[in-house]
């Protein structure tokens, strides 16, 4: 398994839709939200998750 991090900038509903789609594909992801009045974005979402695609490929070969 590989630990990965994906970062989303949320400026509109399109950003929320992207995060929701990501969560459908990676339901085990843990999200952290940050935001600041001094930044140009409304929210920053950091998704921390493990990707086991490599293991899936090895299991399929067996």
C-alpha atoms as a PDB file:
ATOM      1  CA  UNK A   1       0.000   0.000   0.000  1.00  0.00           C
ATOM      2  CA  UNK A   2       1.118   3.506  -0.740  1.00  0.00           C
ATOM      3  CA  UNK A   3       0.200   6.455   1.435  1.00  0.00           C
ATOM      4  CA  UNK A   4      -0.923   9.412  -0.664  1.00  0.00           C
ATOM      5  CA  UNK A   5      -2.089  12.954  -0.114  1.00  0.00           C
ATOM      6  CA  UNK A   6      -4.403  14.863  -2.433  1.00  0.00           C
ATOM      7  CA  UNK A   7      -5.062  18.586  -2.047  1.00  0.00           C
ATOM      8  CA  UNK A   8      -8.189  20.396  -3.243  1.00  0.00           C
ATOM      9  CA  UNK A   9      -8.830  24.141  -3.355  1.00  0.00           C
ATOM     10  CA  UNK A  10     -12.503  24.837  -2.856  1.00  0.00           C
ATOM     11  CA  UNK A  11     -13.678  28.076  -4.422  1.00  0.00           C
ATOM     12  CA  UNK A  12     -17.115  27.003  -5.604  1.00  0.00           C
ATOM     13  CA  UNK A  13     -19.501  24.075  -5.751  1.00  0.00           C
ATOM     14  CA  UNK A  14     -17.253  22.561  -8.433  1.00  0.00           C
ATOM     15  CA  UNK A  15     -14.560  22.092  -5.785  1.00  0.00           C
ATOM     16  CA  UNK A  16     -17.053  20.428  -3.456  1.00  0.00           C
ATOM     17  CA  UNK A  17     -18.155  18.123  -6.274  1.00  0.00           C
ATOM     18  CA  UNK A  18     -14.520  17.144  -6.884  1.00  0.00           C
ATOM     19  CA  UNK A  19     -14.028  16.262  -3.217  1.00  0.00           C
ATOM     20  CA  UNK A  20     -17.261  14.255  -3.150  1.00  0.00           C
ATOM     21  CA  UNK A  21     -16.227  12.319  -6.260  1.00  0.00           C
ATOM     22  CA  UNK A  22     -12.823  11.644  -4.720  1.00  0.00           C
ATOM     23  CA  UNK A  23     -14.483  10.326  -1.549  1.00  0.00           C
ATOM     24  CA  UNK A  24     -16.616   7.939  -3.595  1.00  0.00           C
ATOM     25  CA  UNK A  25     -13.429   6.507  -5.089  1.00  0.00           C
ATOM     26  CA  UNK A  26     -11.439   6.572  -1.825  1.00  0.00           C
ATOM     27  CA  UNK A  27     -13.915   6.265   1.078  1.00  0.00           C
ATOM     28  CA  UNK A  28     -11.087   5.535   3.528  1.00  0.00           C
ATOM     29  CA  UNK A  29      -9.605   9.025   3.061  1.00  0.00           C
ATOM     30  CA  UNK A  30      -9.288  11.267   6.089  1.00  0.00           C
ATOM     31  CA  UNK A  31      -9.985  14.926   5.350  1.00  0.00           C
ATOM     32  CA  UNK A  32      -8.552  18.065   6.921  1.00  0.00           C
ATOM     33  CA  UNK A  33      -9.989  21.494   6.127  1.00  0.00           C
ATOM     34  CA  UNK A  34      -8.069  24.740   6.454  1.00  0.00           C
ATOM     35  CA  UNK A  35      -9.007  28.270   5.526  1.00  0.00           C
ATOM     36  CA  UNK A  36      -7.773  31.777   6.027  1.00  0.00           C
ATOM     37  CA  UNK A  37      -9.123  35.267   5.468  1.00  0.00           C
ATOM     38  CA  UNK A  38      -5.728  36.206   4.051  1.00  0.00           C
ATOM     39  CA  UNK A  39      -5.783  33.570   1.302  1.00  0.00           C
ATOM     40  CA  UNK A  40      -7.511  33.799  -2.047  1.00  0.00           C
ATOM     41  CA  UNK A  41      -9.262  30.455  -1.637  1.00  0.00           C
ATOM     42  CA  UNK A  42     -12.241  29.776   0.572  1.00  0.00           C
ATOM     43  CA  UNK A  43     -11.021  26.397   1.838  1.00  0.00           C
ATOM     44  CA  UNK A  44      -8.224  23.951   1.323  1.00  0.00           C
ATOM     45  CA  UNK A  45      -8.998  20.252   1.722  1.00  0.00           C
ATOM     46  CA  UNK A  46      -6.212  17.782   2.328  1.00  0.00           C
ATOM     47  CA  UNK A  47      -7.083  14.113   1.866  1.00  0.00           C
ATOM     48  CA  UNK A  48      -4.768  11.547   3.416  1.00  0.00           C
ATOM     49  CA  UNK A  49      -5.351   8.010   2.201  1.00  0.00           C
ATOM     50  CA  UNK A  50      -3.700   4.705   1.353  1.00  0.00           C
ATOM     51  CA  UNK A  51      -3.770   3.473  -2.205  1.00  0.00           C
ATOM     52  CA  UNK A  52      -3.563  -0.287  -2.559  1.00  0.00           C
ATOM     53  CA  UNK A  53      -3.635  -0.505  -6.360  1.00  0.00           C
ATOM     54  CA  UNK A  54      -0.243  -2.240  -6.320  1.00  0.00           C
ATOM     55  CA  UNK A  55      -1.577  -4.925  -4.006  1.00  0.00           C
ATOM     56  CA  UNK A  56      -4.667  -5.333  -6.175  1.00  0.00           C
ATOM     57  CA  UNK A  57      -2.496  -6.009  -9.226  1.00  0.00           C
ATOM     58  CA  UNK A  58      -0.411  -8.590  -7.347  1.00  0.00           C
ATOM     59  CA  UNK A  59      -3.525 -10.322  -5.984  1.00  0.00           C
ATOM     60  CA  UNK A  60      -5.041 -10.494  -9.479  1.00  0.00           C
ATOM     61  CA  UNK A  61      -1.913 -12.238 -10.815  1.00  0.00           C
ATOM     62  CA  UNK A  62      -2.169 -14.905  -8.119  1.00  0.00           C
END
